[in-house]
Every structure is written in structure tokens, then in C-alpha cells.
All heavy atoms as atom14 arrays in JSON, in Angstrom:
{
  "sequence": "LAGKEILFIGSGISGGEEGARHGPSIMPGGNSHAWDQVKKIFS",
  "atom14_mask": [
    [1, 1, 1, 1, 1, 1, 1, 1, 0, 0, 0, 0, 0, 0],
    [1, 1, 1, 1, 1, 0, 0, 0, 0, 0, 0, 0, 0, 0],
    [1, 1, 1, 1, 0, 0, 0, 0, 0, 0, 0, 0, 0, 0],
    [1, 1, 1, 1, 1, 1, 1, 1, 1, 0, 0, 0, 0, 0],
    [1, 1, 1, 1, 1, 1, 1, 1, 1, 0, 0, 0, 0, 0],
    [1, 1, 1, 1, 1, 1, 1, 1, 0, 0, 0, 0, 0, 0],
    [1, 1, 1, 1, 1, 1, 1, 1, 0, 0, 0, 0, 0, 0],
    [1, 1, 1, 1, 1, 1, 1, 1, 1, 1, 1, 0, 0, 0],
    [1, 1, 1, 1, 1, 1, 1, 1, 0, 0, 0, 0, 0, 0],
    [1, 1, 1, 1, 0, 0, 0, 0, 0, 0, 0, 0, 0, 0],
    [1, 1, 1, 1, 1, 1, 0, 0, 0, 0, 0, 0, 0, 0],
    [1, 1, 1, 1, 0, 0, 0, 0, 0, 0, 0, 0, 0, 0],
    [1, 1, 1, 1, 1, 1, 1, 1, 0, 0, 0, 0, 0, 0],
    [1, 1, 1, 1, 1, 1, 0, 0, 0, 0, 0, 0, 0, 0],
    [1, 1, 1, 1, 0, 0, 0, 0, 0, 0, 0, 0, 0, 0],
    [1, 1, 1, 1, 0, 0, 0, 0, 0, 0, 0, 0, 0, 0],
    [1, 1, 1, 1, 1, 1, 1, 1, 1, 0, 0, 0, 0, 0],
    [1, 1, 1, 1, 1, 1, 1, 1, 1, 0, 0, 0, 0, 0],
    [1, 1, 1, 1, 0, 0, 0, 0, 0, 0, 0, 0, 0, 0],
    [1, 1, 1, 1, 1, 0, 0, 0, 0, 0, 0, 0, 0, 0],
    [1, 1, 1, 1, 1, 1, 1, 1, 1, 1, 1, 0, 0, 0],
    [1, 1, 1, 1, 1, 1, 1, 1, 1, 1, 0, 0, 0, 0],
    [1, 1, 1, 1, 0, 0, 0, 0, 0, 0, 0, 0, 0, 0],
    [1, 1, 1, 1, 1, 1, 1, 0, 0, 0, 0, 0, 0, 0],
    [1, 1, 1, 1, 1, 1, 0, 0, 0, 0, 0, 0, 0, 0],
    [1, 1, 1, 1, 1, 1, 1, 1, 0, 0, 0, 0, 0, 0],
    [1, 1, 1, 1, 1, 1, 1, 1, 0, 0, 0, 0, 0, 0],
    [1, 1, 1, 1, 1, 1, 1, 0, 0, 0, 0, 0, 0, 0],
    [1, 1, 1, 1, 0, 0, 0, 0, 0, 0, 0, 0, 0, 0],
    [1, 1, 1, 1, 0, 0, 0, 0, 0, 0, 0, 0, 0, 0],
    [1, 1, 1, 1, 1, 1, 1, 1, 0, 0, 0, 0, 0, 0],
    [1, 1, 1, 1, 1, 1, 0, 0, 0, 0, 0, 0, 0, 0],
    [1, 1, 1, 1, 1, 1, 1, 1, 1, 1, 0, 0, 0, 0],
    [1, 1, 1, 1, 1, 0, 0, 0, 0, 0, 0, 0, 0, 0],
    [1, 1, 1, 1, 1, 1, 1, 1, 1, 1, 1, 1, 1, 1],
    [1, 1, 1, 1, 1, 1, 1, 1, 0, 0, 0, 0, 0, 0],
    [1, 1, 1, 1, 1, 1, 1, 1, 1, 0, 0, 0, 0, 0],
    [1, 1, 1, 1, 1, 1, 1, 0, 0, 0, 0, 0, 0, 0],
    [1, 1, 1, 1, 1, 1, 1, 1, 1, 0, 0, 0, 0, 0],
    [1, 1, 1, 1, 1, 1, 1, 1, 1, 0, 0, 0, 0, 0],
    [1, 1, 1, 1, 1, 1, 1, 1, 0, 0, 0, 0, 0, 0],
    [1, 1, 1, 1, 1, 1, 1, 1, 1, 1, 1, 0, 0, 0],
    [1, 1, 1, 1, 1, 1, 0, 0, 0, 0, 0, 0, 0, 0]
  ],
  "atom14_positions": [
    [[9.49, -9.51, 2.11], [8.77, -10.31, 3.1], [8.19, -9.45, 4.21], [7.15, -9.8, 4.79], [9.7, -11.39, 3.66], [10.0, -12.52, 2.67], [11.11, -13.43, 3.18], [8.73, -13.34, 2.39], [0.0, 0.0, 0.0], [0.0, 0.0, 0.0], [0.0, 0.0, 0.0], [0.0, 0.0, 0.0], [0.0, 0.0, 0.0], [0.0, 0.0, 0.0]],
    [[8.84, -8.33, 4.52], [8.28, -7.43, 5.52], [6.91, -6.94, 5.06], [5.99, -6.76, 5.88], [9.22, -6.25, 5.76], [0.0, 0.0, 0.0], [0.0, 0.0, 0.0], [0.0, 0.0, 0.0], [0.0, 0.0, 0.0], [0.0, 0.0, 0.0], [0.0, 0.0, 0.0], [0.0, 0.0, 0.0], [0.0, 0.0, 0.0], [0.0, 0.0, 0.0]],
    [[6.77, -6.73, 3.75], [5.48, -6.32, 3.21], [4.41, -7.37, 3.35], [3.21, -7.09, 3.23], [0.0, 0.0, 0.0], [0.0, 0.0, 0.0], [0.0, 0.0, 0.0], [0.0, 0.0, 0.0], [0.0, 0.0, 0.0], [0.0, 0.0, 0.0], [0.0, 0.0, 0.0], [0.0, 0.0, 0.0], [0.0, 0.0, 0.0], [0.0, 0.0, 0.0]],
    [[4.81, -8.61, 3.61], [3.86, -9.72, 3.8], [3.82, -10.15, 5.27], [3.3, -11.22, 5.6], [4.25, -10.89, 2.9], [4.16, -10.55, 1.41], [4.44, -11.75, 0.55], [4.29, -11.39, -0.93], [2.89, -11.02, -1.27], [0.0, 0.0, 0.0], [0.0, 0.0, 0.0], [0.0, 0.0, 0.0], [0.0, 0.0, 0.0], [0.0, 0.0, 0.0]],
    [[4.42, -9.3, 6.14], [4.44, -9.53, 7.59], [5.21, -10.79, 7.98], [4.96, -11.4, 9.02], [3.02, -9.58, 8.16], [2.23, -8.29, 7.96], [0.89, -8.34, 8.66], [-0.06, -8.88, 8.04], [0.82, -7.87, 9.81], [0.0, 0.0, 0.0], [0.0, 0.0, 0.0], [0.0, 0.0, 0.0], [0.0, 0.0, 0.0], [0.0, 0.0, 0.0]],
    [[6.16, -11.18, 7.14], [7.05, -12.31, 7.43], [8.43, -11.74, 7.74], [8.94, -10.87, 7.01], [7.14, -13.29, 6.24], [5.74, -13.81, 5.87], [8.09, -14.44, 6.56], [5.05, -14.58, 6.97], [0.0, 0.0, 0.0], [0.0, 0.0, 0.0], [0.0, 0.0, 0.0], [0.0, 0.0, 0.0], [0.0, 0.0, 0.0], [0.0, 0.0, 0.0]],
    [[9.05, -12.2, 8.81], [10.37, -11.72, 9.21], [11.45, -12.54, 8.5], [11.36, -13.77, 8.44], [10.53, -11.84, 10.73], [9.43, -11.22, 11.58], [9.75, -11.38, 13.06], [9.2, -9.77, 11.22], [0.0, 0.0, 0.0], [0.0, 0.0, 0.0], [0.0, 0.0, 0.0], [0.0, 0.0, 0.0], [0.0, 0.0, 0.0], [0.0, 0.0, 0.0]],
    [[12.46, -11.85, 7.97], [13.5, -12.54, 7.2], [14.86, -12.27, 7.81], [15.2, -11.14, 8.17], [13.5, -12.05, 5.75], [14.43, -12.82, 4.84], [14.14, -14.12, 4.47], [15.59, -12.24, 4.35], [14.99, -14.84, 3.63], [16.45, -12.94, 3.51], [16.15, -14.25, 3.16], [0.0, 0.0, 0.0], [0.0, 0.0, 0.0], [0.0, 0.0, 0.0]],
    [[15.65, -13.33, 7.94], [17.04, -13.24, 8.41], [17.95, -13.8, 7.32], [17.73, -14.91, 6.82], [17.26, -14.05, 9.7], [16.49, -13.42, 10.87], [18.74, -14.15, 10.04], [16.58, -14.22, 12.17], [0.0, 0.0, 0.0], [0.0, 0.0, 0.0], [0.0, 0.0, 0.0], [0.0, 0.0, 0.0], [0.0, 0.0, 0.0], [0.0, 0.0, 0.0]],
    [[18.96, -13.03, 6.95], [20.02, -13.53, 6.07], [21.24, -13.75, 6.93], [21.82, -12.8, 7.46], [0.0, 0.0, 0.0], [0.0, 0.0, 0.0], [0.0, 0.0, 0.0], [0.0, 0.0, 0.0], [0.0, 0.0, 0.0], [0.0, 0.0, 0.0], [0.0, 0.0, 0.0], [0.0, 0.0, 0.0], [0.0, 0.0, 0.0], [0.0, 0.0, 0.0]],
    [[21.62, -15.0, 7.12], [22.69, -15.31, 8.08], [23.89, -15.96, 7.4], [23.77, -17.02, 6.79], [22.16, -16.26, 9.16], [23.15, -16.52, 10.12], [0.0, 0.0, 0.0], [0.0, 0.0, 0.0], [0.0, 0.0, 0.0], [0.0, 0.0, 0.0], [0.0, 0.0, 0.0], [0.0, 0.0, 0.0], [0.0, 0.0, 0.0], [0.0, 0.0, 0.0]],
    [[25.03, -15.31, 7.53], [26.27, -15.94, 7.11], [26.62, -17.05, 8.1], [26.48, -16.87, 9.31], [0.0, 0.0, 0.0], [0.0, 0.0, 0.0], [0.0, 0.0, 0.0], [0.0, 0.0, 0.0], [0.0, 0.0, 0.0], [0.0, 0.0, 0.0], [0.0, 0.0, 0.0], [0.0, 0.0, 0.0], [0.0, 0.0, 0.0], [0.0, 0.0, 0.0]],
    [[27.05, -18.19, 7.6], [27.48, -19.31, 8.44], [28.81, -19.8, 7.91], [28.91, -20.15, 6.73], [26.45, -20.45, 8.45], [25.1, -19.95, 9.0], [26.95, -21.63, 9.27], [24.01, -21.0, 8.96], [0.0, 0.0, 0.0], [0.0, 0.0, 0.0], [0.0, 0.0, 0.0], [0.0, 0.0, 0.0], [0.0, 0.0, 0.0], [0.0, 0.0, 0.0]],
    [[29.83, -19.83, 8.76], [31.15, -20.25, 8.31], [31.7, -21.34, 9.21], [31.42, -21.4, 10.39], [32.12, -19.06, 8.31], [33.4, -19.47, 7.87], [0.0, 0.0, 0.0], [0.0, 0.0, 0.0], [0.0, 0.0, 0.0], [0.0, 0.0, 0.0], [0.0, 0.0, 0.0], [0.0, 0.0, 0.0], [0.0, 0.0, 0.0], [0.0, 0.0, 0.0]],
    [[32.51, -22.18, 8.6], [33.16, -23.26, 9.34], [33.12, -24.58, 8.62], [33.66, -25.58, 9.09], [0.0, 0.0, 0.0], [0.0, 0.0, 0.0], [0.0, 0.0, 0.0], [0.0, 0.0, 0.0], [0.0, 0.0, 0.0], [0.0, 0.0, 0.0], [0.0, 0.0, 0.0], [0.0, 0.0, 0.0], [0.0, 0.0, 0.0], [0.0, 0.0, 0.0]],
    [[32.44, -24.6, 7.45], [32.36, -25.83, 6.7], [31.54, -26.88, 7.43], [30.83, -26.6, 8.39], [0.0, 0.0, 0.0], [0.0, 0.0, 0.0], [0.0, 0.0, 0.0], [0.0, 0.0, 0.0], [0.0, 0.0, 0.0], [0.0, 0.0, 0.0], [0.0, 0.0, 0.0], [0.0, 0.0, 0.0], [0.0, 0.0, 0.0], [0.0, 0.0, 0.0]],
    [[31.66, -28.12, 6.99], [30.84, -29.18, 7.57], [31.2, -29.46, 9.03], [30.33, -29.73, 9.87], [30.95, -30.46, 6.73], [32.36, -30.99, 6.56], [32.39, -32.2, 5.61], [31.97, -33.29, 6.04], [32.83, -32.03, 4.46], [0.0, 0.0, 0.0], [0.0, 0.0, 0.0], [0.0, 0.0, 0.0], [0.0, 0.0, 0.0], [0.0, 0.0, 0.0]],
    [[32.49, -29.35, 9.37], [32.9, -29.57, 10.76], [32.34, -28.49, 11.67], [31.84, -28.77, 12.77], [34.43, -29.59, 10.85], [34.94, -29.84, 12.26], [36.46, -29.81, 12.35], [37.13, -29.92, 11.29], [36.98, -29.67, 13.47], [0.0, 0.0, 0.0], [0.0, 0.0, 0.0], [0.0, 0.0, 0.0], [0.0, 0.0, 0.0], [0.0, 0.0, 0.0]],
    [[32.4, -27.23, 11.2], [31.84, -26.14, 11.99], [30.34, -26.28, 12.17], [29.81, -26.08, 13.27], [0.0, 0.0, 0.0], [0.0, 0.0, 0.0], [0.0, 0.0, 0.0], [0.0, 0.0, 0.0], [0.0, 0.0, 0.0], [0.0, 0.0, 0.0], [0.0, 0.0, 0.0], [0.0, 0.0, 0.0], [0.0, 0.0, 0.0], [0.0, 0.0, 0.0]],
    [[29.65, -26.64, 11.09], [28.2, -26.8, 11.17], [27.82, -27.87, 12.2], [26.85, -27.72, 12.94], [27.63, -27.17, 9.8], [0.0, 0.0, 0.0], [0.0, 0.0, 0.0], [0.0, 0.0, 0.0], [0.0, 0.0, 0.0], [0.0, 0.0, 0.0], [0.0, 0.0, 0.0], [0.0, 0.0, 0.0], [0.0, 0.0, 0.0], [0.0, 0.0, 0.0]],
    [[28.62, -28.91, 12.27], [28.32, -30.02, 13.18], [28.63, -29.69, 14.64], [27.87, -30.05, 15.55], [29.11, -31.26, 12.76], [28.82, -32.51, 13.6], [27.39, -32.98, 13.39], [27.04, -34.11, 14.25], [26.58, -34.0, 15.48], [26.43, -32.78, 16.02], [26.28, -35.06, 16.2], [0.0, 0.0, 0.0], [0.0, 0.0, 0.0], [0.0, 0.0, 0.0]],
    [[29.74, -28.98, 14.86], [30.21, -28.81, 16.24], [30.23, -27.36, 16.72], [30.5, -27.12, 17.9], [31.61, -29.4, 16.39], [31.68, -30.86, 16.04], [31.07, -31.83, 16.82], [32.24, -31.5, 14.99], [31.28, -33.02, 16.27], [31.98, -32.86, 15.16], [0.0, 0.0, 0.0], [0.0, 0.0, 0.0], [0.0, 0.0, 0.0], [0.0, 0.0, 0.0]],
    [[29.94, -26.41, 15.85], [29.92, -25.02, 16.28], [30.48, -24.08, 15.23], [31.68, -23.85, 15.17], [0.0, 0.0, 0.0], [0.0, 0.0, 0.0], [0.0, 0.0, 0.0], [0.0, 0.0, 0.0], [0.0, 0.0, 0.0], [0.0, 0.0, 0.0], [0.0, 0.0, 0.0], [0.0, 0.0, 0.0], [0.0, 0.0, 0.0], [0.0, 0.0, 0.0]],
    [[29.62, -23.49, 14.39], [30.09, -22.56, 13.36], [30.13, -21.13, 13.88], [29.59, -20.81, 14.95], [29.02, -22.7, 12.28], [27.76, -22.95, 13.07], [28.17, -23.76, 14.27], [0.0, 0.0, 0.0], [0.0, 0.0, 0.0], [0.0, 0.0, 0.0], [0.0, 0.0, 0.0], [0.0, 0.0, 0.0], [0.0, 0.0, 0.0], [0.0, 0.0, 0.0]],
    [[30.74, -20.27, 13.11], [30.6, -18.82, 13.29], [29.32, -18.41, 12.56], [29.13, -18.78, 11.41], [31.81, -18.09, 12.7], [31.56, -16.71, 12.62], [0.0, 0.0, 0.0], [0.0, 0.0, 0.0], [0.0, 0.0, 0.0], [0.0, 0.0, 0.0], [0.0, 0.0, 0.0], [0.0, 0.0, 0.0], [0.0, 0.0, 0.0], [0.0, 0.0, 0.0]],
    [[28.45, -17.69, 13.26], [27.15, -17.33, 12.69], [27.01, -15.81, 12.67], [27.24, -15.15, 13.69], [25.99, -17.96, 13.47], [26.19, -19.47, 13.6], [24.66, -17.66, 12.8], [25.12, -20.17, 14.41], [0.0, 0.0, 0.0], [0.0, 0.0, 0.0], [0.0, 0.0, 0.0], [0.0, 0.0, 0.0], [0.0, 0.0, 0.0], [0.0, 0.0, 0.0]],
    [[26.65, -15.26, 11.51], [26.57, -13.81, 11.3], [25.18, -13.42, 10.83], [24.96, -13.17, 9.65], [27.63, -13.4, 10.28], [29.06, -13.68, 10.7], [30.2, -13.98, 9.3], [30.28, -15.77, 9.29], [0.0, 0.0, 0.0], [0.0, 0.0, 0.0], [0.0, 0.0, 0.0], [0.0, 0.0, 0.0], [0.0, 0.0, 0.0], [0.0, 0.0, 0.0]],
    [[24.19, -13.35, 11.72], [22.81, -13.06, 11.3], [22.54, -11.57, 11.12], [23.03, -10.73, 11.87], [21.97, -13.61, 12.45], [22.87, -13.48, 13.65], [24.26, -13.66, 13.15], [0.0, 0.0, 0.0], [0.0, 0.0, 0.0], [0.0, 0.0, 0.0], [0.0, 0.0, 0.0], [0.0, 0.0, 0.0], [0.0, 0.0, 0.0], [0.0, 0.0, 0.0]],
    [[21.75, -11.26, 10.1], [21.28, -9.9, 9.86], [19.91, -9.97, 9.22], [19.45, -11.04, 8.84], [0.0, 0.0, 0.0], [0.0, 0.0, 0.0], [0.0, 0.0, 0.0], [0.0, 0.0, 0.0], [0.0, 0.0, 0.0], [0.0, 0.0, 0.0], [0.0, 0.0, 0.0], [0.0, 0.0, 0.0], [0.0, 0.0, 0.0], [0.0, 0.0, 0.0]],
    [[19.26, -8.83, 9.08], [17.94, -8.83, 8.45], [16.93, -8.06, 9.28], [17.22, -6.97, 9.78], [0.0, 0.0, 0.0], [0.0, 0.0, 0.0], [0.0, 0.0, 0.0], [0.0, 0.0, 0.0], [0.0, 0.0, 0.0], [0.0, 0.0, 0.0], [0.0, 0.0, 0.0], [0.0, 0.0, 0.0], [0.0, 0.0, 0.0], [0.0, 0.0, 0.0]],
    [[15.75, -8.64, 9.46], [14.69, -8.0, 10.23], [14.97, -8.21, 11.72], [14.88, -9.32, 12.23], [13.34, -8.6, 9.85], [12.18, -7.78, 10.38], [12.19, -7.33, 11.52], [11.16, -7.6, 9.54], [0.0, 0.0, 0.0], [0.0, 0.0, 0.0], [0.0, 0.0, 0.0], [0.0, 0.0, 0.0], [0.0, 0.0, 0.0], [0.0, 0.0, 0.0]],
    [[15.3, -7.14, 12.42], [15.77, -7.24, 13.81], [14.7, -7.81, 14.75], [15.02, -8.34, 15.81], [16.23, -5.88, 14.32], [15.16, -4.95, 14.28], [0.0, 0.0, 0.0], [0.0, 0.0, 0.0], [0.0, 0.0, 0.0], [0.0, 0.0, 0.0], [0.0, 0.0, 0.0], [0.0, 0.0, 0.0], [0.0, 0.0, 0.0], [0.0, 0.0, 0.0]],
    [[13.42, -7.71, 14.37], [12.35, -8.23, 15.22], [12.41, -9.75, 15.34], [11.8, -10.34, 16.24], [10.99, -7.81, 14.67], [10.78, -6.33, 14.66], [10.73, -5.57, 15.81], [10.63, -5.46, 13.63], [10.54, -4.3, 15.49], [10.48, -4.2, 14.18], [0.0, 0.0, 0.0], [0.0, 0.0, 0.0], [0.0, 0.0, 0.0], [0.0, 0.0, 0.0]],
    [[13.16, -10.39, 14.45], [13.26, -11.85, 14.48], [14.34, -12.34, 15.43], [14.34, -13.52, 15.83], [13.54, -12.38, 13.07], [0.0, 0.0, 0.0], [0.0, 0.0, 0.0], [0.0, 0.0, 0.0], [0.0, 0.0, 0.0], [0.0, 0.0, 0.0], [0.0, 0.0, 0.0], [0.0, 0.0, 0.0], [0.0, 0.0, 0.0], [0.0, 0.0, 0.0]],
    [[15.28, -11.49, 15.82], [16.46, -11.93, 16.55], [16.12, -12.59, 17.88], [16.62, -13.66, 18.22], [17.42, -10.78, 16.74], [18.66, -11.1, 17.54], [19.17, -10.39, 18.6], [19.58, -12.19, 17.35], [20.31, -10.97, 19.06], [20.59, -12.07, 18.32], [19.62, -13.26, 16.45], [21.64, -12.98, 18.42], [20.68, -14.18, 16.55], [21.68, -14.03, 17.52]],
    [[15.22, -11.98, 18.66], [14.87, -12.55, 19.95], [14.26, -13.95, 19.81], [14.38, -14.77, 20.72], [13.88, -11.64, 20.69], [14.56, -10.39, 21.26], [15.8, -10.42, 21.41], [13.86, -9.41, 21.53], [0.0, 0.0, 0.0], [0.0, 0.0, 0.0], [0.0, 0.0, 0.0], [0.0, 0.0, 0.0], [0.0, 0.0, 0.0], [0.0, 0.0, 0.0]],
    [[13.62, -14.22, 18.68], [12.96, -15.51, 18.47], [13.95, -16.63, 18.14], [13.67, -17.81, 18.39], [11.92, -15.4, 17.34], [10.85, -14.35, 17.55], [9.93, -14.68, 18.69], [9.73, -15.85, 19.02], [9.36, -13.66, 19.31], [0.0, 0.0, 0.0], [0.0, 0.0, 0.0], [0.0, 0.0, 0.0], [0.0, 0.0, 0.0], [0.0, 0.0, 0.0]],
    [[15.09, -16.28, 17.53], [16.05, -17.31, 17.1], [17.34, -17.29, 17.91], [18.18, -18.18, 17.78], [16.39, -17.16, 15.6], [15.12, -17.23, 14.75], [17.14, -15.86, 15.32], [0.0, 0.0, 0.0], [0.0, 0.0, 0.0], [0.0, 0.0, 0.0], [0.0, 0.0, 0.0], [0.0, 0.0, 0.0], [0.0, 0.0, 0.0], [0.0, 0.0, 0.0]],
    [[17.5, -16.27, 18.76], [18.76, -16.09, 19.49], [19.14, -17.31, 20.32], [20.31, -17.71, 20.34], [18.64, -14.85, 20.39], [19.92, -14.49, 21.13], [19.73, -13.2, 21.92], [21.01, -12.8, 22.64], [20.83, -11.53, 23.39], [0.0, 0.0, 0.0], [0.0, 0.0, 0.0], [0.0, 0.0, 0.0], [0.0, 0.0, 0.0], [0.0, 0.0, 0.0]],
    [[18.17, -17.92, 20.99], [18.47, -19.07, 21.85], [19.04, -20.23, 21.04], [20.02, -20.86, 21.44], [17.21, -19.51, 22.59], [17.44, -20.67, 23.55], [16.16, -21.05, 24.26], [16.38, -22.24, 25.2], [15.12, -22.64, 25.89], [0.0, 0.0, 0.0], [0.0, 0.0, 0.0], [0.0, 0.0, 0.0], [0.0, 0.0, 0.0], [0.0, 0.0, 0.0]],
    [[18.44, -20.49, 19.88], [18.92, -21.6, 19.04], [20.31, -21.3, 18.5], [21.23, -22.13, 18.61], [17.94, -21.87, 17.88], [16.57, -22.29, 18.42], [18.5, -22.94, 16.93], [15.5, -22.46, 17.36], [0.0, 0.0, 0.0], [0.0, 0.0, 0.0], [0.0, 0.0, 0.0], [0.0, 0.0, 0.0], [0.0, 0.0, 0.0], [0.0, 0.0, 0.0]],
    [[20.48, -20.12, 17.9], [21.76, -19.76, 17.31], [22.88, -19.73, 18.36], [24.0, -20.19, 18.11], [21.67, -18.4, 16.62], [21.06, -18.45, 15.24], [20.35, -19.55, 14.8], [21.21, -17.38, 14.36], [19.79, -19.61, 13.54], [20.67, -17.41, 13.09], [19.95, -18.53, 12.68], [0.0, 0.0, 0.0], [0.0, 0.0, 0.0], [0.0, 0.0, 0.0]],
    [[22.57, -19.18, 19.53], [23.58, -19.09, 20.59], [23.97, -20.46, 21.12], [25.09, -20.65, 21.6], [23.06, -18.22, 21.74], [22.81, -16.9, 21.3], [0.0, 0.0, 0.0], [0.0, 0.0, 0.0], [0.0, 0.0, 0.0], [0.0, 0.0, 0.0], [0.0, 0.0, 0.0], [0.0, 0.0, 0.0], [0.0, 0.0, 0.0], [0.0, 0.0, 0.0]]
  ]
}
């Protein structure tokens, strides 16, 4: 995707359905240029 100028994040998400609803552990990695764009939402 970098070759197509698209930023890609592969993010581990743990906590099951309860965690997803109320606050999971999130482990993002990938194209670092994307982090500032999604940091507010993930945080």
C-alpha cells in the first residue's frame, strides 16, 4: 500500500467484545505516518 501512497496500520486489539465496547488494549503498528491521524481516536 505504501507503493500506492496509502498508509496501512496493522493493529492488534485485545479484550473481546467487552473490551471493544468499553476499552480494549490496542497495539498499532505499520506505516508510522498514519499514527498522528488516528492517535486521537485510538487514545
